[in-house]
Structure formats: C-alpha cells, structure tokens
Protein backbone atom coordinates (compact mmCIF):
# COMPACT_ATOMS: atom_id res chain seq x y z
CA MET A 1 17.22 -2.68 -6.82
CA ALA A 2 18.28 -2.03 -3.22
CA GLU A 3 20.05 -4.61 -1.10
CA ILE A 4 17.45 -6.60 0.83
CA LYS A 5 18.56 -7.07 4.43
CA ASP A 6 15.48 -8.87 5.78
CA PRO A 7 13.66 -10.78 3.01
CA GLU A 8 10.89 -11.90 5.39
CA ASN A 9 9.99 -8.25 6.06
CA THR A 10 10.46 -6.89 2.55
CA VAL A 11 7.72 -6.66 -0.07
CA ILE A 12 8.28 -6.27 -3.81
CA ILE A 13 5.51 -4.60 -5.80
CA GLU A 14 5.75 -4.95 -9.55
CA LEU A 15 4.37 -1.90 -11.38
CA LYS A 16 4.20 -1.21 -15.11
CA ASP A 17 7.56 0.60 -15.08
CA GLY A 18 9.51 -1.56 -12.62
CA LYS A 19 9.75 -3.02 -9.14
CA VAL A 20 9.19 -1.11 -5.91
CA VAL A 21 10.94 -2.56 -2.86
CA ILE A 22 9.33 -1.83 0.49
CA GLU A 23 10.95 -2.50 3.84
CA LEU A 24 8.24 -3.39 6.37
CA LEU A 25 8.60 -2.21 9.97
CA PRO A 26 7.30 -5.05 12.17
CA ASP A 27 8.91 -3.58 15.28
CA VAL A 28 6.68 -0.51 14.82
CA ALA A 29 3.45 -1.97 13.41
CA PRO A 30 3.49 -5.78 13.65
CA HIS A 31 -0.20 -6.35 12.82
CA HIS A 32 -0.17 -4.16 9.69
CA CYS A 33 3.03 -5.83 8.45
CA GLU A 34 1.60 -9.31 8.99
CA ARG A 35 -1.59 -8.37 7.12
CA MET A 36 0.38 -7.07 4.14
CA LYS A 37 2.49 -10.24 4.00
CA GLU A 38 -0.62 -12.43 4.34
CA LEU A 39 -2.35 -10.66 1.43
CA ALA A 40 0.81 -10.70 -0.71
CA ARG A 41 1.38 -14.41 -0.09
CA SER A 42 -2.22 -15.28 -0.96
CA GLY A 43 -2.05 -13.26 -4.21
CA GLN A 44 -4.89 -10.97 -3.17
CA TYR A 45 -2.93 -7.78 -3.98
CA ASP A 46 -2.12 -8.94 -7.54
CA ASN A 47 -3.90 -6.84 -10.21
CA VAL A 48 -5.35 -4.42 -7.63
CA CYS A 49 -5.62 -0.86 -8.94
CA PHE A 50 -4.42 2.45 -7.54
CA HIS A 51 -7.87 3.96 -7.09
CA ARG A 52 -6.90 7.28 -5.43
CA VAL A 53 -3.76 9.05 -6.61
CA ILE A 54 -3.41 12.69 -5.65
CA ASP A 55 -0.54 14.67 -7.17
CA GLY A 56 1.78 16.03 -4.50
CA PHE A 57 0.17 13.84 -1.82
CA MET A 58 -0.06 10.05 -2.17
CA ALA A 59 -1.03 6.94 -4.17
CA GLN A 60 -3.62 4.63 -2.56
CA SER A 61 -4.26 0.97 -3.40
CA GLY A 62 -4.98 -2.34 -1.75
CA ASP A 63 -8.76 -2.72 -1.93
CA VAL A 64 -8.75 -6.52 -2.21
CA ALA A 65 -12.56 -6.64 -2.17
CA ASN A 66 -13.21 -4.24 -5.08
CA GLY A 67 -9.93 -3.20 -6.67
CA ASN A 68 -8.90 -6.27 -8.66
CA MET A 69 -8.83 -5.23 -12.31
CA GLU A 70 -9.68 -8.67 -13.65
CA SER A 71 -13.17 -10.02 -14.42
CA GLY A 72 -16.11 -7.96 -13.25
CA PHE A 73 -14.01 -4.95 -12.24
CA ASP A 74 -16.06 -1.81 -11.51
CA LEU A 75 -13.83 1.22 -10.99
CA ARG A 76 -16.64 3.07 -9.17
CA ARG A 77 -16.46 0.51 -6.33
CA ALA A 78 -12.67 0.51 -6.00
CA GLY A 79 -11.66 1.93 -2.63
CA THR A 80 -14.99 1.25 -0.94
CA GLY A 81 -13.62 -1.73 0.99
CA GLY A 82 -15.85 -4.49 2.20
CA SER A 83 -13.15 -7.10 2.73
CA ASP A 84 -14.16 -9.89 5.08
CA LEU A 85 -10.87 -9.47 6.95
CA PRO A 86 -11.13 -8.06 10.47
CA ASP A 87 -10.10 -4.44 10.87
CA LEU A 88 -6.74 -3.72 12.46
CA PRO A 89 -6.19 -1.58 15.55
CA ALA A 90 -4.17 1.58 14.96
CA GLU A 91 -0.44 1.18 15.56
CA PHE A 92 0.58 4.81 15.78
CA SER A 93 4.23 5.66 16.33
CA LYS A 94 6.56 8.63 16.24
CA LEU A 95 7.64 7.77 12.67
CA PRO A 96 6.81 10.68 10.36
CA HIS A 97 4.90 10.38 7.10
CA ASP A 98 7.92 11.18 4.95
CA ARG A 99 8.22 10.74 1.19
CA GLY A 100 8.16 7.03 0.39
CA THR A 101 6.59 5.85 3.63
CA LEU A 102 3.75 3.35 3.56
CA GLY A 103 0.66 4.29 5.55
CA ALA A 104 -2.48 2.36 6.44
CA ALA A 105 -5.58 3.76 4.76
CA ARG A 106 -8.70 3.77 6.93
CA SER A 107 -12.08 5.39 7.47
CA ALA A 108 -12.70 8.09 10.10
CA ASN A 109 -12.35 5.37 12.75
CA PRO A 110 -8.62 5.06 13.64
CA ASN A 111 -9.09 1.30 14.19
CA SER A 112 -10.59 0.58 10.76
CA ALA A 113 -7.50 -0.14 8.62
CA ASN A 114 -7.92 -3.34 6.66
CA SER A 115 -6.10 -4.06 3.38
CA GLN A 116 -5.70 -0.61 1.82
CA PHE A 117 -2.52 1.42 2.04
CA PHE A 118 -0.94 4.52 0.57
CA ILE A 119 2.56 5.58 -0.41
CA ASN A 120 3.45 9.22 0.26
CA PHE A 121 4.73 11.22 -2.74
CA LYS A 122 6.16 13.84 -0.39
CA ASP A 123 6.54 14.55 3.32
CA ASN A 124 2.99 14.67 4.70
CA HIS A 125 3.65 15.44 8.34
CA PHE A 126 0.06 16.60 8.95
CA LEU A 127 -0.75 12.84 8.99
CA ASN A 128 1.73 12.10 11.80
CA GLY A 129 0.17 10.32 14.76
CA GLN A 130 -3.14 9.87 12.88
CA TYR A 131 -2.32 7.08 10.41
CA THR A 132 -0.16 4.01 10.97
CA VAL A 133 3.24 4.04 9.23
CA TYR A 134 4.40 0.48 8.63
CA GLY A 135 6.91 0.53 5.80
CA ARG A 136 9.16 2.59 3.56
CA VAL A 137 10.20 2.41 -0.08
CA ILE A 138 13.89 1.52 -0.27
CA SER A 139 14.08 1.43 -4.07
CA GLY A 140 11.81 2.14 -7.02
CA MET A 141 10.24 5.37 -5.78
CA GLU A 142 10.63 6.72 -9.32
CA PHE A 143 8.09 4.06 -10.42
CA VAL A 144 5.67 5.17 -7.68
CA ASP A 145 6.05 8.75 -8.93
CA ASN A 146 4.84 7.58 -12.39
CA ILE A 147 1.50 6.14 -11.17
CA LYS A 148 -1.42 7.75 -13.07
CA ARG A 149 -3.17 10.48 -11.07
CA GLY A 150 -6.90 10.76 -10.37
CA GLU A 151 -9.67 10.01 -7.85
CA PRO A 152 -10.02 7.55 -9.50
CA PRO A 153 -7.73 7.77 -12.53
CA ALA A 154 -9.62 7.27 -15.81
CA GLU A 155 -7.38 4.29 -16.61
CA PRO A 156 -5.80 3.34 -13.29
CA ASP A 157 -2.44 1.69 -12.89
CA ARG A 158 -2.32 -1.57 -10.97
CA MET A 159 -0.01 -3.65 -8.87
CA ILE A 160 0.88 -6.41 -11.32
CA SER A 161 2.15 -8.58 -8.48
CA VAL A 162 3.04 -8.21 -4.80
CA LYS A 163 5.45 -10.71 -3.26
CA VAL A 164 7.29 -11.14 0.04
CA ALA A 165 10.98 -11.09 -0.95
CA ALA A 166 11.65 -14.32 0.99
CA ASP A 167 9.23 -16.08 -1.39
CA ALA A 168 10.35 -14.44 -4.65
C-alpha cells in the first residue's frame, strides 16, 4: 500500500482482491471531496456495487440510493440515483482524466453529480473539462482492473467498505 501523506484526504476502498487507496484533491474539487468523505464516514458506500464497468473505459459505482447489495437489492435499479442528497455543482479543472483518476458521474446536466463516481481504466481525455476530477488512485489500481465488466455485470463486484484513512 502506498504511503499516505494526508490521511484526512485519502480514502481506502476495500475490494474483493485488495485495497485501493485514493488521494482526494480538495484544492481542486472541495465539494466533491467532502461528499465522498461524508458518505464513507456514514457507511453509505459499503456494499455498493459497480453497476457500469466498461472494458477499456471506466468502472462506475457509488449509487447509495439503489446500489447497496444487501437486502432488497435490485440490480436493474443500480445507477439510477435518487439519493436525497443535494446535487453538487461542477468543479471542472485542467486536470486530465488519466488512468486511475476519480471522476464524478452525473446526468446530462453538468451540475447533477451526487454520490456516484467512476475510476478511469485508461486515459480518457475526451472527458476533460466535462466531468469533475477529484481524486486519483495511488495504490491498488491492479484491483480496480479486476472489477467484473458489464452494464451492469451479471454478478457485479462491490465496494466491501470505504473508509477515510484518518478514521481507519
């Protein structure tokens, strides 16, 4: 696991194969980073599935309203949103959507990001300036690469737990 320089702005996602360490970028996207930490600290990201995983593109997760794979889970609803959290305004920057960056998933409205996010499998520069980048994988990208593919995957992988490193 990588050395953690700022535990308050580092998130650890436990996947089936190992831990993914993500450095958040609060100087670039403070509202998105705060939302991720809030949801991690409240346990809302735990057991949430990766509902959209496109080979050579990205893995999307974070639907806290419909993606929890525990009781009453309906895979057909995963990714449809509906969280009662307020949407976040876009926090676009000059940071590119490189392999391992964390981007805010949203609808066609640039100011509609909520709880969902994606991790880029490769450089996806066509997304630059259109989706908020607010973190980057600093270790464990090999575990992200192993997430089951599909829209949605037949048997989706999940985030077993998501913690802020300062709390772990």
